[in-house]
PDB file of all heavy atoms in Angstrom:
ATOM      1  N   PHE A   1      10.997  33.853  -3.654  1.00  0.00           N
ATOM      2  CA  PHE A   1       9.658  34.339  -3.267  1.00  0.00           C
ATOM      3  C   PHE A   1       8.643  33.216  -3.373  1.00  0.00           C
ATOM      4  O   PHE A   1       7.872  32.989  -2.477  1.00  0.00           O
ATOM      5  CB  PHE A   1       9.276  35.544  -4.109  1.00  0.00           C
ATOM      6  CG  PHE A   1       7.876  36.062  -3.814  1.00  0.00           C
ATOM      7  CD1 PHE A   1       7.620  36.799  -2.694  1.00  0.00           C
ATOM      8  CD2 PHE A   1       6.833  35.770  -4.694  1.00  0.00           C
ATOM      9  CE1 PHE A   1       6.359  37.191  -2.374  1.00  0.00           C
ATOM     10  CE2 PHE A   1       5.569  36.272  -4.403  1.00  0.00           C
ATOM     11  CZ  PHE A   1       5.316  36.966  -3.250  1.00  0.00           C
ATOM     12  N   SER A   2       8.676  32.508  -4.500  1.00  0.00           N
ATOM     13  CA  SER A   2       7.759  31.398  -4.694  1.00  0.00           C
ATOM     14  C   SER A   2       8.334  30.518  -5.830  1.00  0.00           C
ATOM     15  O   SER A   2       9.147  30.957  -6.617  1.00  0.00           O
ATOM     16  CB  SER A   2       6.354  31.873  -5.064  1.00  0.00           C
ATOM     17  OG  SER A   2       6.350  32.576  -6.294  1.00  0.00           O
ATOM     18  N   ILE A   3       7.860  29.281  -5.873  1.00  0.00           N
ATOM     19  CA  ILE A   3       8.228  28.351  -6.908  1.00  0.00           C
ATOM     20  C   ILE A   3       6.940  27.867  -7.578  1.00  0.00           C
ATOM     21  O   ILE A   3       6.015  27.424  -6.862  1.00  0.00           O
ATOM     22  CB  ILE A   3       9.006  27.155  -6.359  1.00  0.00           C
ATOM     23  CG1 ILE A   3      10.264  27.638  -5.709  1.00  0.00           C
ATOM     24  CG2 ILE A   3       9.316  26.192  -7.471  1.00  0.00           C
ATOM     25  CD1 ILE A   3      11.059  26.541  -5.054  1.00  0.00           C
ATOM     26  N   ASN A   4       6.922  27.968  -8.900  1.00  0.00           N
ATOM     27  CA  ASN A   4       5.764  27.477  -9.641  1.00  0.00           C
ATOM     28  C   ASN A   4       5.958  25.989 -10.013  1.00  0.00           C
ATOM     29  O   ASN A   4       6.015  25.149  -9.120  1.00  0.00           O
ATOM     30  CB  ASN A   4       5.531  28.351 -10.867  1.00  0.00           C
ATOM     31  CG  ASN A   4       5.266  29.804 -10.525  1.00  0.00           C
ATOM     32  OD1 ASN A   4       4.708  30.093  -9.389  1.00  0.00           O
ATOM     33  ND2 ASN A   4       5.554  30.696 -11.370  1.00  0.00           N
ATOM     34  N   ASP A   5       6.080  25.674 -11.275  1.00  0.00           N
ATOM     35  CA  ASP A   5       6.295  24.330 -11.680  1.00  0.00           C
ATOM     36  C   ASP A   5       7.695  23.823 -11.304  1.00  0.00           C
ATOM     37  O   ASP A   5       8.663  24.577 -11.338  1.00  0.00           O
ATOM     38  CB  ASP A   5       6.106  24.127 -13.187  1.00  0.00           C
ATOM     39  CG  ASP A   5       4.693  24.367 -13.664  1.00  0.00           C
ATOM     40  OD1 ASP A   5       3.814  24.636 -12.820  1.00  0.00           O
ATOM     41  OD2 ASP A   5       4.458  24.350 -14.872  1.00  0.00           O
ATOM     42  N   MET A   6       7.785  22.547 -10.957  1.00  0.00           N
ATOM     43  CA  MET A   6       9.026  21.884 -10.692  1.00  0.00           C
ATOM     44  C   MET A   6       9.031  20.592 -11.532  1.00  0.00           C
ATOM     45  O   MET A   6       8.004  19.965 -11.628  1.00  0.00           O
ATOM     46  CB  MET A   6       9.301  21.591  -9.241  1.00  0.00           C
ATOM     47  CG  MET A   6       9.297  22.798  -8.352  1.00  0.00           C
ATOM     48  SD  MET A   6       9.741  22.486  -6.631  1.00  0.00           S
ATOM     49  CE  MET A   6      11.566  22.409  -6.792  1.00  0.00           C
ATOM     50  N   GLY A   7      10.202  20.223 -12.028  1.00  0.00           N
ATOM     51  CA  GLY A   7      10.193  19.009 -12.874  1.00  0.00           C
ATOM     52  C   GLY A   7      11.530  18.349 -12.841  1.00  0.00           C
ATOM     53  O   GLY A   7      12.556  18.890 -12.408  1.00  0.00           O
ATOM     54  N   TRP A   8      11.533  17.149 -13.403  1.00  0.00           N
ATOM     55  CA  TRP A   8      12.710  16.373 -13.636  1.00  0.00           C
ATOM     56  C   TRP A   8      12.905  16.063 -15.084  1.00  0.00           C
ATOM     57  O   TRP A   8      11.935  15.717 -15.774  1.00  0.00           O
ATOM     58  CB  TRP A   8      12.659  15.026 -12.841  1.00  0.00           C
ATOM     59  CG  TRP A   8      12.741  15.199 -11.349  1.00  0.00           C
ATOM     60  CD1 TRP A   8      11.734  15.283 -10.479  1.00  0.00           C
ATOM     61  CD2 TRP A   8      13.933  15.263 -10.578  1.00  0.00           C
ATOM     62  NE1 TRP A   8      12.203  15.423  -9.172  1.00  0.00           N
ATOM     63  CE2 TRP A   8      13.585  15.427  -9.216  1.00  0.00           C
ATOM     64  CE3 TRP A   8      15.295  15.241 -10.861  1.00  0.00           C
ATOM     65  CZ2 TRP A   8      14.506  15.519  -8.195  1.00  0.00           C
ATOM     66  CZ3 TRP A   8      16.261  15.335  -9.880  1.00  0.00           C
ATOM     67  CH2 TRP A   8      15.822  15.464  -8.545  1.00  0.00           C
ATOM     68  N   TYR A   9      14.104  16.193 -15.548  1.00  0.00           N
ATOM     69  CA  TYR A   9      14.487  15.889 -16.944  1.00  0.00           C
ATOM     70  C   TYR A   9      15.671  14.899 -16.861  1.00  0.00           C
ATOM     71  O   TYR A   9      16.363  14.793 -15.865  1.00  0.00           O
ATOM     72  CB  TYR A   9      14.887  17.151 -17.696  1.00  0.00           C
ATOM     73  CG  TYR A   9      13.813  18.119 -17.898  1.00  0.00           C
ATOM     74  CD1 TYR A   9      13.254  18.843 -16.865  1.00  0.00           C
ATOM     75  CD2 TYR A   9      13.221  18.308 -19.181  1.00  0.00           C
ATOM     76  CE1 TYR A   9      12.200  19.776 -17.044  1.00  0.00           C
ATOM     77  CE2 TYR A   9      12.222  19.216 -19.372  1.00  0.00           C
ATOM     78  CZ  TYR A   9      11.685  19.902 -18.309  1.00  0.00           C
ATOM     79  OH  TYR A   9      10.689  20.819 -18.564  1.00  0.00           O
ATOM     80  N   ARG A  10      15.909  14.219 -17.982  1.00  0.00           N
ATOM     81  CA  ARG A  10      17.038  13.353 -18.027  1.00  0.00           C
ATOM     82  C   ARG A  10      17.679  13.371 -19.399  1.00  0.00           C
ATOM     83  O   ARG A  10      17.017  13.663 -20.431  1.00  0.00           O
ATOM     84  CB  ARG A  10      16.633  11.862 -17.696  1.00  0.00           C
ATOM     85  CG  ARG A  10      15.665  11.201 -18.634  1.00  0.00           C
ATOM     86  CD  ARG A  10      15.252   9.859 -18.092  1.00  0.00           C
ATOM     87  NE  ARG A  10      14.412   9.140 -19.020  1.00  0.00           N
ATOM     88  CZ  ARG A  10      13.784   7.972 -18.734  1.00  0.00           C
ATOM     89  NH1 ARG A  10      13.995   7.419 -17.554  1.00  0.00           N
ATOM     90  NH2 ARG A  10      13.012   7.403 -19.636  1.00  0.00           N
ATOM     91  N   GLN A  11      18.961  13.047 -19.424  1.00  0.00           N
ATOM     92  CA  GLN A  11      19.744  13.091 -20.644  1.00  0.00           C
ATOM     93  C   GLN A  11      20.754  11.988 -20.641  1.00  0.00           C
ATOM     94  O   GLN A  11      21.627  11.890 -19.787  1.00  0.00           O
ATOM     95  CB  GLN A  11      20.421  14.443 -20.835  1.00  0.00           C
ATOM     96  CG  GLN A  11      21.105  14.606 -22.145  1.00  0.00           C
ATOM     97  CD  GLN A  11      21.599  16.016 -22.383  1.00  0.00           C
ATOM     98  OE1 GLN A  11      21.795  16.770 -21.448  1.00  0.00           O
ATOM     99  NE2 GLN A  11      21.764  16.421 -23.653  1.00  0.00           N
ATOM    100  N   ALA A  12      20.640  11.077 -21.590  1.00  0.00           N
ATOM    101  CA  ALA A  12      21.573  10.034 -21.814  1.00  0.00           C
ATOM    102  C   ALA A  12      22.626  10.482 -22.856  1.00  0.00           C
ATOM    103  O   ALA A  12      22.403  11.380 -23.568  1.00  0.00           O
ATOM    104  CB  ALA A  12      20.886   8.761 -22.298  1.00  0.00           C
ATOM    105  N   PRO A  13      23.803   9.873 -22.790  1.00  0.00           N
ATOM    106  CA  PRO A  13      24.845  10.270 -23.763  1.00  0.00           C
ATOM    107  C   PRO A  13      24.362  10.205 -25.224  1.00  0.00           C
ATOM    108  O   PRO A  13      23.810   9.281 -25.640  1.00  0.00           O
ATOM    109  CB  PRO A  13      25.988   9.267 -23.480  1.00  0.00           C
ATOM    110  CG  PRO A  13      25.776   8.822 -22.074  1.00  0.00           C
ATOM    111  CD  PRO A  13      24.293   8.809 -21.906  1.00  0.00           C
ATOM    112  N   GLY A  14      24.630  11.314 -25.900  1.00  0.00           N
ATOM    113  CA  GLY A  14      24.261  11.384 -27.299  1.00  0.00           C
ATOM    114  C   GLY A  14      22.821  11.627 -27.568  1.00  0.00           C
ATOM    115  O   GLY A  14      22.412  11.616 -28.729  1.00  0.00           O
ATOM    116  N   LYS A  15      22.029  11.858 -26.559  1.00  0.00           N
ATOM    117  CA  LYS A  15      20.596  12.081 -26.697  1.00  0.00           C
ATOM    118  C   LYS A  15      20.218  13.443 -26.157  1.00  0.00           C
ATOM    119  O   LYS A  15      20.912  14.051 -25.400  1.00  0.00           O
ATOM    120  CB  LYS A  15      19.789  10.947 -26.027  1.00  0.00           C
ATOM    121  CG  LYS A  15      20.002   9.595 -26.631  1.00  0.00           C
ATOM    122  CD  LYS A  15      19.117   8.574 -25.998  1.00  0.00           C
ATOM    123  CE  LYS A  15      19.283   7.219 -26.618  1.00  0.00           C
ATOM    124  NZ  LYS A  15      18.352   6.175 -26.004  1.00  0.00           N
ATOM    125  N   GLN A  16      19.019  13.871 -26.530  1.00  0.00           N
ATOM    126  CA  GLN A  16      18.514  15.153 -26.059  1.00  0.00           C
ATOM    127  C   GLN A  16      18.027  15.060 -24.659  1.00  0.00           C
ATOM    128  O   GLN A  16      17.765  13.967 -24.159  1.00  0.00           O
ATOM    129  CB  GLN A  16      17.376  15.641 -26.949  1.00  0.00           C
ATOM    130  CG  GLN A  16      16.149  14.809 -26.959  1.00  0.00           C
ATOM    131  CD  GLN A  16      15.075  15.278 -27.940  1.00  0.00           C
ATOM    132  OE1 GLN A  16      15.307  16.156 -28.712  1.00  0.00           O
ATOM    133  NE2 GLN A  16      13.902  14.671 -27.843  1.00  0.00           N
ATOM    134  N   ARG A  17      17.858  16.179 -23.988  1.00  0.00           N
ATOM    135  CA  ARG A  17      17.326  16.216 -22.673  1.00  0.00           C
ATOM    136  C   ARG A  17      15.809  16.247 -22.749  1.00  0.00           C
ATOM    137  O   ARG A  17      15.213  17.085 -23.394  1.00  0.00           O
ATOM    138  CB  ARG A  17      17.821  17.480 -21.919  1.00  0.00           C
ATOM    139  CG  ARG A  17      17.446  17.531 -20.449  1.00  0.00           C
ATOM    140  CD  ARG A  17      18.071  18.720 -19.728  1.00  0.00           C
ATOM    141  NE  ARG A  17      19.513  18.678 -19.792  1.00  0.00           N
ATOM    142  CZ  ARG A  17      20.316  19.582 -19.148  1.00  0.00           C
ATOM    143  NH1 ARG A  17      19.739  20.525 -18.437  1.00  0.00           N
ATOM    144  NH2 ARG A  17      21.637  19.451 -19.244  1.00  0.00           N
ATOM    145  N   ASP A  18      15.181  15.253 -22.103  1.00  0.00           N
ATOM    146  CA  ASP A  18      13.720  15.046 -22.163  1.00  0.00           C
ATOM    147  C   ASP A  18      13.085  15.192 -20.829  1.00  0.00           C
ATOM    148  O   ASP A  18      13.651  14.894 -19.797  1.00  0.00           O
ATOM    149  CB  ASP A  18      13.415  13.668 -22.754  1.00  0.00           C
ATOM    150  CG  ASP A  18      13.824  13.533 -24.205  1.00  0.00           C
ATOM    151  OD1 ASP A  18      13.734  14.506 -24.928  1.00  0.00           O
ATOM    152  OD2 ASP A  18      14.201  12.392 -24.612  1.00  0.00           O
ATOM    153  N   LEU A  19      11.814  15.645 -20.908  1.00  0.00           N
ATOM    154  CA  LEU A  19      11.040  15.748 -19.634  1.00  0.00           C
ATOM    155  C   LEU A  19      10.734  14.351 -19.141  1.00  0.00           C
ATOM    156  O   LEU A  19      10.300  13.491 -19.901  1.00  0.00           O
ATOM    157  CB  LEU A  19       9.761  16.527 -19.933  1.00  0.00           C
ATOM    158  CG  LEU A  19       8.723  16.540 -18.783  1.00  0.00           C
ATOM    159  CD1 LEU A  19       9.254  17.426 -17.699  1.00  0.00           C
ATOM    160  CD2 LEU A  19       7.392  17.070 -19.330  1.00  0.00           C
ATOM    161  N   VAL A  20      10.865  14.176 -17.854  1.00  0.00           N
ATOM    162  CA  VAL A  20      10.513  12.959 -17.158  1.00  0.00           C
ATOM    163  C   VAL A  20       9.173  13.159 -16.443  1.00  0.00           C
ATOM    164  O   VAL A  20       8.247  12.331 -16.576  1.00  0.00           O
ATOM    165  CB  VAL A  20      11.572  12.468 -16.172  1.00  0.00           C
ATOM    166  CG1 VAL A  20      11.141  11.273 -15.362  1.00  0.00           C
ATOM    167  CG2 VAL A  20      12.919  12.222 -16.887  1.00  0.00           C
ATOM    168  N   ALA A  21       9.080  14.194 -15.641  1.00  0.00           N
ATOM    169  CA  ALA A  21       7.884  14.454 -14.866  1.00  0.00           C
ATOM    170  C   ALA A  21       7.888  15.896 -14.419  1.00  0.00           C
ATOM    171  O   ALA A  21       8.935  16.511 -14.260  1.00  0.00           O
ATOM    172  CB  ALA A  21       7.801  13.543 -13.635  1.00  0.00           C
ATOM    173  N   VAL A  22       6.695  16.436 -14.245  1.00  0.00           N
ATOM    174  CA  VAL A  22       6.522  17.851 -13.833  1.00  0.00           C
ATOM    175  C   VAL A  22       5.403  17.890 -12.826  1.00  0.00           C
ATOM    176  O   VAL A  22       4.436  17.111 -12.901  1.00  0.00           O
ATOM    177  CB  VAL A  22       6.306  18.794 -14.981  1.00  0.00           C
ATOM    178  CG1 VAL A  22       4.977  18.480 -15.708  1.00  0.00           C
ATOM    179  CG2 VAL A  22       6.324  20.191 -14.573  1.00  0.00           C
ATOM    180  N   ILE A  23       5.521  18.822 -11.861  1.00  0.00           N
ATOM    181  CA  ILE A  23       4.440  18.988 -10.885  1.00  0.00           C
ATOM    182  C   ILE A  23       4.224  20.508 -10.715  1.00  0.00           C
ATOM    183  O   ILE A  23       5.156  21.285 -10.562  1.00  0.00           O
ATOM    184  CB  ILE A  23       4.771  18.276  -9.595  1.00  0.00           C
ATOM    185  CG1 ILE A  23       3.621  18.442  -8.535  1.00  0.00           C
ATOM    186  CG2 ILE A  23       6.065  18.791  -8.962  1.00  0.00           C
ATOM    187  CD1 ILE A  23       3.734  17.478  -7.336  1.00  0.00           C
ATOM    188  N   THR A  24       3.004  20.921 -10.721  1.00  0.00           N
ATOM    189  CA  THR A  24       2.689  22.326 -10.558  1.00  0.00           C
ATOM    190  C   THR A  24       2.661  22.702  -9.046  1.00  0.00           C
ATOM    191  O   THR A  24       2.721  21.835  -8.193  1.00  0.00           O
ATOM    192  CB  THR A  24       1.325  22.707 -11.212  1.00  0.00           C
ATOM    193  OG1 THR A  24       0.242  22.063 -10.402  1.00  0.00           O
ATOM    194  CG2 THR A  24       1.234  22.197 -12.628  1.00  0.00           C
ATOM    195  N   SER A  25       2.534  23.956  -8.811  1.00  0.00           N
ATOM    196  CA  SER A  25       2.466  24.419  -7.417  1.00  0.00           C
ATOM    197  C   SER A  25       1.177  23.879  -6.721  1.00  0.00           C
ATOM    198  O   SER A  25       1.163  23.770  -5.504  1.00  0.00           O
ATOM    199  CB  SER A  25       2.487  25.959  -7.328  1.00  0.00           C
ATOM    200  OG  SER A  25       1.354  26.493  -8.074  1.00  0.00           O
ATOM    201  N   GLY A  26       0.183  23.584  -7.515  1.00  0.00           N
ATOM    202  CA  GLY A  26      -1.043  23.017  -6.986  1.00  0.00           C
ATOM    203  C   GLY A  26      -1.076  21.517  -6.870  1.00  0.00           C
ATOM    204  O   GLY A  26      -2.048  20.931  -6.425  1.00  0.00           O
ATOM    205  N   GLY A  27       0.014  20.844  -7.328  1.00  0.00           N
ATOM    206  CA  GLY A  27       0.123  19.442  -7.187  1.00  0.00           C
ATOM    207  C   GLY A  27      -0.305  18.605  -8.407  1.00  0.00           C
ATOM    208  O   GLY A  27      -0.316  17.384  -8.351  1.00  0.00           O
ATOM    209  N   LYS A  28      -0.615  19.283  -9.525  1.00  0.00           N
ATOM    210  CA  LYS A  28      -0.972  18.555 -10.772  1.00  0.00           C
ATOM    211  C   LYS A  28       0.303  18.035 -11.369  1.00  0.00           C
ATOM    212  O   LYS A  28       1.319  18.733 -11.462  1.00  0.00           O
ATOM    213  CB  LYS A  28      -1.714  19.456 -11.666  1.00  0.00           C
ATOM    214  CG  LYS A  28      -2.206  18.792 -12.950  1.00  0.00           C
ATOM    215  CD  LYS A  28      -2.989  19.732 -13.823  1.00  0.00           C
ATOM    216  CE  LYS A  28      -4.298  20.186 -13.149  1.00  0.00           C
ATOM    217  NZ  LYS A  28      -5.074  21.105 -14.043  1.00  0.00           N
ATOM    218  N   THR A  29       0.283  16.778 -11.795  1.00  0.00           N
ATOM    219  CA  THR A  29       1.427  16.118 -12.354  1.00  0.00           C
ATOM    220  C   THR A  29       1.254  15.736 -13.786  1.00  0.00           C
ATOM    221  O   THR A  29       0.142  15.474 -14.268  1.00  0.00           O
ATOM    222  CB  THR A  29       1.842  14.866 -11.498  1.00  0.00           C
ATOM    223  OG1 THR A  29       0.704  13.917 -11.511  1.00  0.00           O
ATOM    224  CG2 THR A  29       2.105  15.253 -10.047  1.00  0.00           C
ATOM    225  N   ASN A  30       2.385  15.489 -14.453  1.00  0.00           N
ATOM    226  CA  ASN A  30       2.433  14.983 -15.808  1.00  0.00           C
ATOM    227  C   ASN A  30       3.716  14.177 -15.944  1.00  0.00           C
ATOM    228  O   ASN A  30       4.749  14.545 -15.417  1.00  0.00           O
ATOM    229  CB  ASN A  30       2.377  16.117 -16.764  1.00  0.00           C
ATOM    230  CG  ASN A  30       2.227  15.660 -18.216  1.00  0.00           C
ATOM    231  OD1 ASN A  30       1.420  14.707 -18.455  1.00  0.00           O
ATOM    232  ND2 ASN A  30       2.906  16.216 -19.178  1.00  0.00           N
ATOM    233  N   TYR A  31       3.611  13.066 -16.679  1.00  0.00           N
ATOM    234  CA  TYR A  31       4.730  12.165 -16.836  1.00  0.00           C
ATOM    235  C   TYR A  31       4.998  11.841 -18.293  1.00  0.00           C
ATOM    236  O   TYR A  31       4.047  11.741 -19.093  1.00  0.00           O
ATOM    237  CB  TYR A  31       4.462  10.865 -16.038  1.00  0.00           C
ATOM    238  CG  TYR A  31       4.305  10.992 -14.585  1.00  0.00           C
ATOM    239  CD1 TYR A  31       3.067  11.216 -14.021  1.00  0.00           C
ATOM    240  CD2 TYR A  31       5.419  10.927 -13.754  1.00  0.00           C
ATOM    241  CE1 TYR A  31       2.931  11.343 -12.677  1.00  0.00           C
ATOM    242  CE2 TYR A  31       5.281  11.024 -12.359  1.00  0.00           C
ATOM    243  CZ  TYR A  31       4.010  11.308 -11.850  1.00  0.00           C
ATOM    244  OH  TYR A  31       3.879  11.380 -10.436  1.00  0.00           O
ATOM    245  N   ALA A  32       6.243  11.530 -18.583  1.00  0.00           N
ATOM    246  CA  ALA A  32       6.574  10.977 -19.877  1.00  0.00           C
ATOM    247  C   ALA A  32       5.982   9.543 -19.936  1.00  0.00           C
ATOM    248  O   ALA A  32       5.886   8.867 -18.961  1.00  0.00           O
ATOM    249  CB  ALA A  32       8.082  10.878 -20.073  1.00  0.00           C
ATOM    250  N   ASP A  33       5.519   9.212 -21.159  1.00  0.00           N
ATOM    251  CA  ASP A  33       4.928   7.872 -21.306  1.00  0.00           C
ATOM    252  C   ASP A  33       5.839   6.746 -20.833  1.00  0.00           C
ATOM    253  O   ASP A  33       5.351   5.730 -20.332  1.00  0.00           O
ATOM    254  CB  ASP A  33       4.530   7.629 -22.771  1.00  0.00           C
ATOM    255  CG  ASP A  33       3.369   8.542 -23.211  1.00  0.00           C
ATOM    256  OD1 ASP A  33       2.605   8.984 -22.351  1.00  0.00           O
ATOM    257  OD2 ASP A  33       3.213   8.703 -24.451  1.00  0.00           O
ATOM    258  N   SER A  34       7.140   6.900 -20.996  1.00  0.00           N
ATOM    259  CA  SER A  34       8.082   5.856 -20.647  1.00  0.00           C
ATOM    260  C   SER A  34       8.195   5.567 -19.197  1.00  0.00           C
ATOM    261  O   SER A  34       8.702   4.559 -18.791  1.00  0.00           O
ATOM    262  CB  SER A  34       9.445   6.174 -21.217  1.00  0.00           C
ATOM    263  OG  SER A  34       9.958   7.455 -20.687  1.00  0.00           O
ATOM    264  N   VAL A  35       7.727   6.502 -18.331  1.00  0.00           N
ATOM    265  CA  VAL A  35       7.855   6.303 -16.910  1.00  0.00           C
ATOM    266  C   VAL A  35       6.543   6.215 -16.196  1.00  0.00           C
ATOM    267  O   VAL A  35       6.489   6.015 -14.956  1.00  0.00           O
ATOM    268  CB  VAL A  35       8.699   7.427 -16.265  1.00  0.00           C
ATOM    269  CG1 VAL A  35      10.066   7.535 -16.971  1.00  0.00           C
ATOM    270  CG2 VAL A  35       7.983   8.760 -16.284  1.00  0.00           C
TER     271      VAL A  35
END
């Protein structure tokens, strides 16, 4: 029906899954400091 936030996460071997970037339905973005 609709999609709200969409994002990318990443996980390296032996590490937790972390947020990379997210974008709202309105186009507002947020990024991990590392990227």
